[in-house]
């Protein structure tokens, strides 16, 4: 468990990019003992503000992110 006053690090990385979606992964780690407190994954969808529909992720957006292998948990 994590307690009030504990220092934690939240690590996040892009695990994939598809046409209109991106998977981001998260890991919450207590650095004093390198204990993983929690992990999570979210799927982001890029949306056209005018139509409200999913749209292709532009190259200038996706090219700014490195895709990190899903197995790289503690080294991210």
PDB file of N, CA and C in Angstrom:
ATOM      1  N   UNK A   1       0.820  -1.206   0.000  1.00  0.00           N
ATOM      2  CA  UNK A   1       0.000   0.000   0.000  1.00  0.00           C
ATOM      3  C   UNK A   1       0.857   1.261   0.000  1.00  0.00           C
ATOM      4  N   UNK A   2       0.252   2.312  -0.437  1.00  0.00           N
ATOM      5  CA  UNK A   2       0.888   3.623  -0.435  1.00  0.00           C
ATOM      6  C   UNK A   2       0.253   4.431   0.696  1.00  0.00           C
ATOM      7  N   UNK A   3       1.074   5.156   1.422  1.00  0.00           N
ATOM      8  CA  UNK A   3       0.566   5.906   2.575  1.00  0.00           C
ATOM      9  C   UNK A   3       0.823   7.394   2.398  1.00  0.00           C
ATOM     10  N   UNK A   4       0.071   8.202   3.108  1.00  0.00           N
ATOM     11  CA  UNK A   4       0.274   9.645   3.085  1.00  0.00           C
ATOM     12  C   UNK A   4       1.729   9.945   3.410  1.00  0.00           C
ATOM     13  N   UNK A   5       2.341  10.803   2.632  1.00  0.00           N
ATOM     14  CA  UNK A   5       3.732  11.164   2.829  1.00  0.00           C
ATOM     15  C   UNK A   5       4.703  10.365   1.985  1.00  0.00           C
ATOM     16  N   UNK A   6       4.275   9.223   1.422  1.00  0.00           N
ATOM     17  CA  UNK A   6       5.151   8.448   0.545  1.00  0.00           C
ATOM     18  C   UNK A   6       5.437   9.242  -0.728  1.00  0.00           C
ATOM     19  N   UNK A   7       6.654   9.152  -1.185  1.00  0.00           N
ATOM     20  CA  UNK A   7       7.007   9.720  -2.483  1.00  0.00           C
ATOM     21  C   UNK A   7       6.714   8.643  -3.525  1.00  0.00           C
ATOM     22  N   UNK A   8       6.042   9.034  -4.598  1.00  0.00           N
ATOM     23  CA  UNK A   8       5.746   8.091  -5.679  1.00  0.00           C
ATOM     24  C   UNK A   8       6.136   8.711  -7.014  1.00  0.00           C
ATOM     25  N   UNK A   9       6.434   7.871  -7.961  1.00  0.00           N
ATOM     26  CA  UNK A   9       6.687   8.286  -9.339  1.00  0.00           C
ATOM     27  C   UNK A   9       5.598   7.703 -10.209  1.00  0.00           C
ATOM     28  N   UNK A  10       5.049   8.533 -11.085  1.00  0.00           N
ATOM     29  CA  UNK A  10       4.075   8.054 -12.057  1.00  0.00           C
ATOM     30  C   UNK A  10       4.776   8.041 -13.408  1.00  0.00           C
ATOM     31  N   UNK A  11       4.872   6.864 -13.982  1.00  0.00           N
ATOM     32  CA  UNK A  11       5.510   6.687 -15.285  1.00  0.00           C
ATOM     33  C   UNK A  11       4.424   6.469 -16.323  1.00  0.00           C
ATOM     34  N   UNK A  12       4.565   7.110 -17.459  1.00  0.00           N
ATOM     35  CA  UNK A  12       3.597   6.936 -18.536  1.00  0.00           C
ATOM     36  C   UNK A  12       4.337   6.845 -19.859  1.00  0.00           C
ATOM     37  N   UNK A  13       3.782   6.049 -20.776  1.00  0.00           N
ATOM     38  CA  UNK A  13       4.398   5.901 -22.084  1.00  0.00           C
ATOM     39  C   UNK A  13       3.357   5.477 -23.102  1.00  0.00           C
ATOM     40  N   UNK A  14       3.665   5.718 -24.364  1.00  0.00           N
ATOM     41  CA  UNK A  14       2.803   5.280 -25.466  1.00  0.00           C
ATOM     42  C   UNK A  14       3.176   3.855 -25.834  1.00  0.00           C
ATOM     43  N   UNK A  15       2.192   2.995 -25.821  1.00  0.00           N
ATOM     44  CA  UNK A  15       2.415   1.599 -26.179  1.00  0.00           C
ATOM     45  C   UNK A  15       2.072   1.324 -27.638  1.00  0.00           C
ATOM     46  N   UNK A  16       1.180   2.142 -28.224  1.00  0.00           N
ATOM     47  CA  UNK A  16       0.837   1.940 -29.634  1.00  0.00           C
ATOM     48  C   UNK A  16       0.119   3.164 -30.184  1.00  0.00           C
ATOM     49  N   UNK A  17       0.186   3.277 -31.496  1.00  0.00           N
ATOM     50  CA  UNK A  17      -0.613   4.238 -32.248  1.00  0.00           C
ATOM     51  C   UNK A  17      -1.305   3.463 -33.351  1.00  0.00           C
ATOM     52  N   UNK A  18      -2.582   3.669 -33.497  1.00  0.00           N
ATOM     53  CA  UNK A  18      -3.340   3.119 -34.604  1.00  0.00           C
ATOM     54  C   UNK A  18      -3.802   4.306 -35.449  1.00  0.00           C
ATOM     55  N   UNK A  19      -4.708   4.081 -36.331  1.00  0.00           N
ATOM     56  CA  UNK A  19      -5.169   5.150 -37.226  1.00  0.00           C
ATOM     57  C   UNK A  19      -5.716   6.343 -36.443  1.00  0.00           C
ATOM     58  N   UNK A  20      -6.629   6.089 -35.490  1.00  0.00           N
ATOM     59  CA  UNK A  20      -7.255   7.184 -34.751  1.00  0.00           C
ATOM     60  C   UNK A  20      -7.136   7.019 -33.237  1.00  0.00           C
ATOM     61  N   UNK A  21      -6.409   5.992 -32.782  1.00  0.00           N
ATOM     62  CA  UNK A  21      -6.313   5.757 -31.343  1.00  0.00           C
ATOM     63  C   UNK A  21      -4.866   5.551 -30.914  1.00  0.00           C
ATOM     64  N   UNK A  22      -4.662   5.730 -29.623  1.00  0.00           N
ATOM     65  CA  UNK A  22      -3.353   5.517 -29.024  1.00  0.00           C
ATOM     66  C   UNK A  22      -3.551   4.849 -27.669  1.00  0.00           C
ATOM     67  N   UNK A  23      -2.712   3.860 -27.367  1.00  0.00           N
ATOM     68  CA  UNK A  23      -2.754   3.229 -26.049  1.00  0.00           C
ATOM     69  C   UNK A  23      -1.615   3.805 -25.224  1.00  0.00           C
ATOM     70  N   UNK A  24      -1.957   4.295 -24.042  1.00  0.00           N
ATOM     71  CA  UNK A  24      -0.967   4.786 -23.086  1.00  0.00           C
ATOM     72  C   UNK A  24      -1.000   3.881 -21.874  1.00  0.00           C
ATOM     73  N   UNK A  25       0.177   3.595 -21.354  1.00  0.00           N
ATOM     74  CA  UNK A  25       0.281   2.784 -20.149  1.00  0.00           C
ATOM     75  C   UNK A  25       0.863   3.621 -19.027  1.00  0.00           C
ATOM     76  N   UNK A  26       0.531   3.243 -17.798  1.00  0.00           N
ATOM     77  CA  UNK A  26       0.944   3.981 -16.607  1.00  0.00           C
ATOM     78  C   UNK A  26       1.425   2.996 -15.554  1.00  0.00           C
ATOM     79  N   UNK A  27       2.396   3.413 -14.793  1.00  0.00           N
ATOM     80  CA  UNK A  27       2.858   2.612 -13.672  1.00  0.00           C
ATOM     81  C   UNK A  27       3.184   3.577 -12.538  1.00  0.00           C
ATOM     82  N   UNK A  28       2.630   3.299 -11.365  1.00  0.00           N
ATOM     83  CA  UNK A  28       2.884   4.107 -10.178  1.00  0.00           C
ATOM     84  C   UNK A  28       3.854   3.322  -9.301  1.00  0.00           C
ATOM     85  N   UNK A  29       5.023   3.911  -9.059  1.00  0.00           N
ATOM     86  CA  UNK A  29       6.115   3.209  -8.380  1.00  0.00           C
ATOM     87  C   UNK A  29       6.571   4.017  -7.171  1.00  0.00           C
ATOM     88  N   UNK A  30       6.828   3.312  -6.090  1.00  0.00           N
ATOM     89  CA  UNK A  30       7.427   3.933  -4.905  1.00  0.00           C
ATOM     90  C   UNK A  30       8.941   3.754  -5.059  1.00  0.00           C
ATOM     91  N   UNK A  31       9.704   4.845  -5.296  1.00  0.00           N
ATOM     92  CA  UNK A  31      11.127   4.706  -5.621  1.00  0.00           C
ATOM     93  C   UNK A  31      11.999   4.176  -4.479  1.00  0.00           C
ATOM     94  N   UNK A  32      11.591   4.357  -3.239  1.00  0.00           N
ATOM     95  CA  UNK A  32      12.447   3.908  -2.136  1.00  0.00           C
ATOM     96  C   UNK A  32      12.688   2.397  -2.156  1.00  0.00           C
ATOM     97  N   UNK A  33      11.721   1.623  -2.650  1.00  0.00           N
ATOM     98  CA  UNK A  33      11.906   0.175  -2.749  1.00  0.00           C
ATOM     99  C   UNK A  33      11.562  -0.363  -4.145  1.00  0.00           C
ATOM    100  N   UNK A  34      11.326   0.564  -5.093  1.00  0.00           N
ATOM    101  CA  UNK A  34      10.971   0.227  -6.474  1.00  0.00           C
ATOM    102  C   UNK A  34       9.729  -0.657  -6.560  1.00  0.00           C
ATOM    103  N   UNK A  35       8.835  -0.501  -5.591  1.00  0.00           N
ATOM    104  CA  UNK A  35       7.597  -1.276  -5.545  1.00  0.00           C
ATOM    105  C   UNK A  35       6.575  -0.672  -6.511  1.00  0.00           C
ATOM    106  N   UNK A  36       6.004  -1.522  -7.364  1.00  0.00           N
ATOM    107  CA  UNK A  36       4.920  -1.081  -8.236  1.00  0.00           C
ATOM    108  C   UNK A  36       3.640  -1.059  -7.407  1.00  0.00           C
ATOM    109  N   UNK A  37       3.072   0.129  -7.246  1.00  0.00           N
ATOM    110  CA  UNK A  37       1.854   0.305  -6.464  1.00  0.00           C
ATOM    111  C   UNK A  37       0.619   0.024  -7.324  1.00  0.00           C
ATOM    112  N   UNK A  38       0.669   0.458  -8.584  1.00  0.00           N
ATOM    113  CA  UNK A  38      -0.474   0.255  -9.480  1.00  0.00           C
ATOM    114  C   UNK A  38      -0.017   0.397 -10.922  1.00  0.00           C
ATOM    115  N   UNK A  39      -0.788  -0.186 -11.816  1.00  0.00           N
ATOM    116  CA  UNK A  39      -0.567  -0.044 -13.244  1.00  0.00           C
ATOM    117  C   UNK A  39      -1.902   0.164 -13.926  1.00  0.00           C
ATOM    118  N   UNK A  40      -1.870   0.846 -15.060  1.00  0.00           N
ATOM    119  CA  UNK A  40      -3.117   1.115 -15.768  1.00  0.00           C
ATOM    120  C   UNK A  40      -2.835   1.283 -17.254  1.00  0.00           C
ATOM    121  N   UNK A  41      -3.905   1.253 -18.023  1.00  0.00           N
ATOM    122  CA  UNK A  41      -3.823   1.447 -19.460  1.00  0.00           C
ATOM    123  C   UNK A  41      -5.047   2.238 -19.887  1.00  0.00           C
ATOM    124  N   UNK A  42      -4.841   3.220 -20.749  1.00  0.00           N
ATOM    125  CA  UNK A  42      -5.967   3.974 -21.303  1.00  0.00           C
ATOM    126  C   UNK A  42      -5.868   3.965 -22.820  1.00  0.00           C
ATOM    127  N   UNK A  43      -7.005   4.008 -23.451  1.00  0.00           N
ATOM    128  CA  UNK A  43      -7.048   4.095 -24.904  1.00  0.00           C
ATOM    129  C   UNK A  43      -7.576   5.478 -25.262  1.00  0.00           C
ATOM    130  N   UNK A  44      -6.746   6.251 -25.912  1.00  0.00           N
ATOM    131  CA  UNK A  44      -7.107   7.602 -26.314  1.00  0.00           C
ATOM    132  C   UNK A  44      -7.616   7.580 -27.746  1.00  0.00           C
ATOM    133  N   UNK A  45      -8.652   8.334 -28.015  1.00  0.00           N
ATOM    134  CA  UNK A  45      -9.162   8.473 -29.382  1.00  0.00           C
ATOM    135  C   UNK A  45      -9.029   9.927 -29.803  1.00  0.00           C
ATOM    136  N   UNK A  46      -8.523  10.144 -30.986  1.00  0.00           N
ATOM    137  CA  UNK A  46      -8.417  11.495 -31.531  1.00  0.00           C
ATOM    138  C   UNK A  46      -9.729  11.821 -32.230  1.00  0.00           C
ATOM    139  N   UNK A  47     -10.265  12.992 -31.918  1.00  0.00           N
ATOM    140  CA  UNK A  47     -11.603  13.355 -32.369  1.00  0.00           C
ATOM    141  C   UNK A  47     -11.569  14.699 -33.091  1.00  0.00           C
ATOM    142  N   UNK A  48     -12.277  14.771 -34.190  1.00  0.00           N
ATOM    143  CA  UNK A  48     -12.460  16.037 -34.899  1.00  0.00           C
ATOM    144  C   UNK A  48     -13.426  16.895 -34.101  1.00  0.00           C
ATOM    145  N   UNK A  49     -12.994  18.063 -33.667  1.00  0.00           N
ATOM    146  CA  UNK A  49     -13.826  18.921 -32.813  1.00  0.00           C
ATOM    147  C   UNK A  49     -15.115  19.356 -33.507  1.00  0.00           C
ATOM    148  N   UNK A  50     -15.085  19.519 -34.801  1.00  0.00           N
ATOM    149  CA  UNK A  50     -16.274  19.990 -35.510  1.00  0.00           C
ATOM    150  C   UNK A  50     -17.315  18.903 -35.697  1.00  0.00           C
ATOM    151  N   UNK A  51     -16.865  17.678 -35.992  1.00  0.00           N
ATOM    152  CA  UNK A  51     -17.828  16.605 -36.275  1.00  0.00           C
ATOM    153  C   UNK A  51     -18.087  15.714 -35.063  1.00  0.00           C
ATOM    154  N   UNK A  52     -17.142  15.712 -34.112  1.00  0.00           N
ATOM    155  CA  UNK A  52     -17.274  14.827 -32.956  1.00  0.00           C
ATOM    156  C   UNK A  52     -16.947  13.374 -33.284  1.00  0.00           C
ATOM    157  N   UNK A  53     -16.393  13.124 -34.477  1.00  0.00           N
ATOM    158  CA  UNK A  53     -16.072  11.767 -34.910  1.00  0.00           C
ATOM    159  C   UNK A  53     -14.566  11.519 -34.829  1.00  0.00           C
ATOM    160  N   UNK A  54     -14.180  10.245 -34.656  1.00  0.00           N
ATOM    161  CA  UNK A  54     -12.752   9.931 -34.644  1.00  0.00           C
ATOM    162  C   UNK A  54     -12.087  10.369 -35.948  1.00  0.00           C
ATOM    163  N   UNK A  55     -10.837  10.803 -35.832  1.00  0.00           N
ATOM    164  CA  UNK A  55     -10.091  11.218 -37.022  1.00  0.00           C
ATOM    165  C   UNK A  55      -8.681  10.655 -36.950  1.00  0.00           C
ATOM    166  N   UNK A  56      -8.037  10.591 -38.083  1.00  0.00           N
ATOM    167  CA  UNK A  56      -6.675  10.064 -38.184  1.00  0.00           C
ATOM    168  C   UNK A  56      -5.723  10.926 -37.358  1.00  0.00           C
ATOM    169  N   UNK A  57      -4.806  10.253 -36.649  1.00  0.00           N
ATOM    170  CA  UNK A  57      -3.768  10.956 -35.907  1.00  0.00           C
ATOM    171  C   UNK A  57      -2.769  11.502 -36.917  1.00  0.00           C
ATOM    172  N   UNK A  58      -2.547  12.802 -36.882  1.00  0.00           N
ATOM    173  CA  UNK A  58      -1.628  13.420 -37.835  1.00  0.00           C
ATOM    174  C   UNK A  58      -0.191  12.970 -37.552  1.00  0.00           C
ATOM    175  N   UNK A  59       0.601  12.854 -38.612  1.00  0.00           N
ATOM    176  CA  UNK A  59       1.989  12.426 -38.483  1.00  0.00           C
ATOM    177  C   UNK A  59       2.790  13.337 -37.555  1.00  0.00           C
ATOM    178  N   UNK A  60       2.507  14.632 -37.582  1.00  0.00           N
ATOM    179  CA  UNK A  60       3.268  15.553 -36.727  1.00  0.00           C
ATOM    180  C   UNK A  60       2.965  15.331 -35.244  1.00  0.00           C
ATOM    181  N   UNK A  61       1.847  14.676 -34.938  1.00  0.00           N
ATOM    182  CA  UNK A  61       1.546  14.305 -33.547  1.00  0.00           C
ATOM    183  C   UNK A  61       2.218  12.983 -33.206  1.00  0.00           C
ATOM    184  N   UNK A  62       1.958  11.948 -33.992  1.00  0.00           N
ATOM    185  CA  UNK A  62       2.498  10.622 -33.672  1.00  0.00           C
ATOM    186  C   UNK A  62       4.022  10.575 -33.732  1.00  0.00           C
ATOM    187  N   UNK A  63       4.631  11.392 -34.574  1.00  0.00           N
ATOM    188  CA  UNK A  63       6.094  11.356 -34.694  1.00  0.00           C
ATOM    189  C   UNK A  63       6.798  11.953 -33.482  1.00  0.00           C
ATOM    190  N   UNK A  64       6.087  12.637 -32.614  1.00  0.00           N
ATOM    191  CA  UNK A  64       6.716  13.213 -31.416  1.00  0.00           C
ATOM    192  C   UNK A  64       6.799  12.216 -30.262  1.00  0.00           C
ATOM    193  N   UNK A  65       6.209  11.032 -30.430  1.00  0.00           N
ATOM    194  CA  UNK A  65       6.202  10.012 -29.388  1.00  0.00           C
ATOM    195  C   UNK A  65       7.014   8.801 -29.807  1.00  0.00           C
ATOM    196  N   UNK A  66       7.742   8.231 -28.855  1.00  0.00           N
ATOM    197  CA  UNK A  66       8.393   6.946 -29.064  1.00  0.00           C
ATOM    198  C   UNK A  66       7.438   5.866 -28.577  1.00  0.00           C
ATOM    199  N   UNK A  67       7.291   4.810 -29.345  1.00  0.00           N
ATOM    200  CA  UNK A  67       6.483   3.678 -28.918  1.00  0.00           C
ATOM    201  C   UNK A  67       7.382   2.781 -28.067  1.00  0.00           C
ATOM    202  N   UNK A  68       6.926   2.466 -26.858  1.00  0.00           N
ATOM    203  CA  UNK A  68       7.713   1.668 -25.929  1.00  0.00           C
ATOM    204  C   UNK A  68       7.119   0.277 -25.839  1.00  0.00           C
ATOM    205  N   UNK A  69       7.968  -0.728 -25.923  1.00  0.00           N
ATOM    206  CA  UNK A  69       7.557  -2.119 -25.838  1.00  0.00           C
ATOM    207  C   UNK A  69       6.738  -2.338 -24.559  1.00  0.00           C
ATOM    208  N   UNK A  70       5.612  -3.033 -24.686  1.00  0.00           N
ATOM    209  CA  UNK A  70       4.705  -3.245 -23.568  1.00  0.00           C
ATOM    210  C   UNK A  70       5.363  -3.972 -22.404  1.00  0.00           C
ATOM    211  N   UNK A  71       6.459  -4.707 -22.647  1.00  0.00           N
ATOM    212  CA  UNK A  71       7.114  -5.453 -21.575  1.00  0.00           C
ATOM    213  C   UNK A  71       8.092  -4.608 -20.770  1.00  0.00           C
ATOM    214  N   UNK A  72       8.338  -3.375 -21.180  1.00  0.00           N
ATOM    215  CA  UNK A  72       9.289  -2.521 -20.478  1.00  0.00           C
ATOM    216  C   UNK A  72       8.581  -1.761 -19.369  1.00  0.00           C
ATOM    217  N   UNK A  73       8.419  -2.372 -18.216  1.00  0.00           N
ATOM    218  CA  UNK A  73       7.672  -1.751 -17.139  1.00  0.00           C
ATOM    219  C   UNK A  73       8.526  -0.880 -16.252  1.00  0.00           C
ATOM    220  N   UNK A  74       9.559  -1.406 -15.689  1.00  0.00           N
ATOM    221  CA  UNK A  74      10.337  -0.672 -14.700  1.00  0.00           C
ATOM    222  C   UNK A  74      11.428   0.195 -15.288  1.00  0.00           C
ATOM    223  N   UNK A  75      11.714   0.034 -16.580  1.00  0.00           N
ATOM    224  CA  UNK A  75      12.785   0.808 -17.189  1.00  0.00           C
ATOM    225  C   UNK A  75      12.279   2.029 -17.940  1.00  0.00           C
ATOM    226  N   UNK A  76      10.997   2.290 -17.888  1.00  0.00           N
ATOM    227  CA  UNK A  76      10.422   3.416 -18.628  1.00  0.00           C
ATOM    228  C   UNK A  76      10.725   4.702 -17.917  1.00  0.00           C
TER     229      UNK A  76
END
